[in-house]
Amino acid sequence: MPAYLIANIHVTDAEKFAAYRAQVAPMIARFGGRYIVRGGELTVVEGDVTLDRLVILEFADMAALRRFYDSADYAPLIRLRQAASTGEVALVEGYAPPA
């Protein structure tokens, strides 16, 4: 079953965040992930949504996502992202319809 990393990012230092983005994209691919949403235009149609830069990554399963997120390779990039932004990150199991 696919698993997703969903992040709502509020960039506070554009230069540092650009360095994060440049390094994280190839790492995501190396761990088998792919971007579903990467900070595109957001149009709120209902409610009081406080999303800023929405990012959704897809991995084959939760184990693959955890290998990426918990890796020693990603740890310094987490610190760089946190130095360049605030926000929320969640790891979510996807839905696999019954066969």
Protein backbone atom coordinates (compact mmCIF):
# COMPACT_ATOMS: atom_id res chain seq x y z
CA MET A 1 0.00 0.00 0.00
CA PRO A 2 1.45 3.42 -0.89
CA ALA A 3 2.46 5.85 1.84
CA TYR A 4 2.67 9.61 1.69
CA LEU A 5 4.66 12.36 3.34
CA ILE A 6 2.44 15.44 3.55
CA ALA A 7 4.06 18.72 4.51
CA ASN A 8 2.75 22.25 4.91
CA ILE A 9 5.81 24.48 4.77
CA HIS A 10 6.09 28.18 5.65
CA VAL A 11 9.42 29.36 4.21
CA THR A 12 11.21 31.87 6.43
CA ASP A 13 14.63 31.93 4.69
CA ALA A 14 14.31 31.57 0.92
CA GLU A 15 18.05 31.15 0.31
CA LYS A 16 18.43 28.29 2.82
CA PHE A 17 15.23 26.70 1.59
CA ALA A 18 16.52 26.77 -2.00
CA ALA A 19 19.60 24.85 -0.81
CA TYR A 20 17.30 22.30 0.87
CA ARG A 21 15.17 21.88 -2.27
CA ALA A 22 18.20 21.34 -4.49
CA GLN A 23 19.54 18.58 -2.24
CA VAL A 24 16.33 16.83 -1.26
CA ALA A 25 14.85 16.14 -4.72
CA PRO A 26 17.54 13.66 -5.83
CA MET A 27 17.50 12.03 -2.39
CA ILE A 28 13.75 11.45 -2.57
CA ALA A 29 14.22 9.72 -5.93
CA ARG A 30 17.13 7.66 -4.61
CA PHE A 31 14.88 6.32 -1.83
CA GLY A 32 12.15 5.43 -4.35
CA GLY A 33 9.88 8.38 -3.68
CA ARG A 34 8.26 10.83 -6.06
CA TYR A 35 6.57 14.19 -5.83
CA ILE A 36 2.79 14.24 -6.16
CA VAL A 37 2.47 17.92 -5.16
CA ARG A 38 5.40 20.34 -4.91
CA GLY A 39 4.28 23.77 -3.80
CA GLY A 40 1.93 24.46 -6.70
CA GLU A 41 -0.78 27.09 -6.78
CA LEU A 42 -3.36 26.48 -4.07
CA THR A 43 -6.99 27.57 -4.29
CA VAL A 44 -9.11 27.23 -1.16
CA VAL A 45 -12.73 26.55 -2.02
CA GLU A 46 -14.13 25.70 1.43
CA GLY A 47 -13.21 26.46 5.02
CA ASP A 48 -10.34 28.31 6.61
CA VAL A 49 -7.37 26.43 5.16
CA THR A 50 -3.98 27.63 6.35
CA LEU A 51 -1.82 25.82 3.83
CA ASP A 52 1.18 27.65 2.45
CA ARG A 53 3.64 25.50 0.48
CA LEU A 54 1.99 22.06 0.28
CA VAL A 55 4.23 19.11 -0.57
CA ILE A 56 3.08 15.51 -0.99
CA LEU A 57 5.57 12.71 -1.60
CA GLU A 58 4.59 9.15 -2.51
CA PHE A 59 6.55 6.02 -1.59
CA ALA A 60 5.77 2.36 -2.31
CA ASP A 61 4.86 1.68 1.31
CA MET A 62 5.35 2.99 4.85
CA ALA A 63 8.57 1.00 5.28
CA ALA A 64 10.11 2.75 2.23
CA LEU A 65 8.93 6.13 3.49
CA ARG A 66 10.40 5.48 6.94
CA ARG A 67 13.71 4.39 5.37
CA PHE A 68 13.85 7.80 3.70
CA TYR A 69 12.62 9.94 6.60
CA ASP A 70 14.66 8.17 9.30
CA SER A 71 17.84 7.88 7.22
CA ALA A 72 21.18 9.33 8.24
CA ASP A 73 21.26 10.91 4.76
CA TYR A 74 18.07 12.90 5.33
CA ALA A 75 18.79 13.99 8.94
CA PRO A 76 21.00 16.99 8.00
CA LEU A 77 18.41 18.08 5.43
CA ILE A 78 15.68 17.99 8.06
CA ARG A 79 17.80 20.38 10.13
CA LEU A 80 18.38 22.61 7.08
CA ARG A 81 14.63 22.65 6.28
CA GLN A 82 13.80 23.49 9.88
CA ALA A 83 16.35 26.34 9.83
CA ALA A 84 14.74 27.71 6.66
CA SER A 85 11.06 27.19 7.46
CA THR A 86 8.35 26.26 9.92
CA GLY A 87 5.53 23.87 9.23
CA GLU A 88 3.91 20.53 9.76
CA VAL A 89 4.89 17.10 8.39
CA ALA A 90 2.84 13.89 8.57
CA LEU A 91 3.43 10.36 7.31
CA VAL A 92 0.19 8.82 6.08
CA GLU A 93 -0.75 5.36 4.84
CA GLY A 94 -2.46 5.44 1.47
CA TYR A 95 -5.55 3.60 0.34
CA ALA A 96 -5.45 0.39 -1.61
CA PRO A 97 -8.85 -0.53 -3.04
CA PRO A 98 -9.96 -4.13 -2.57
CA ALA A 99 -8.85 -6.38 -5.40
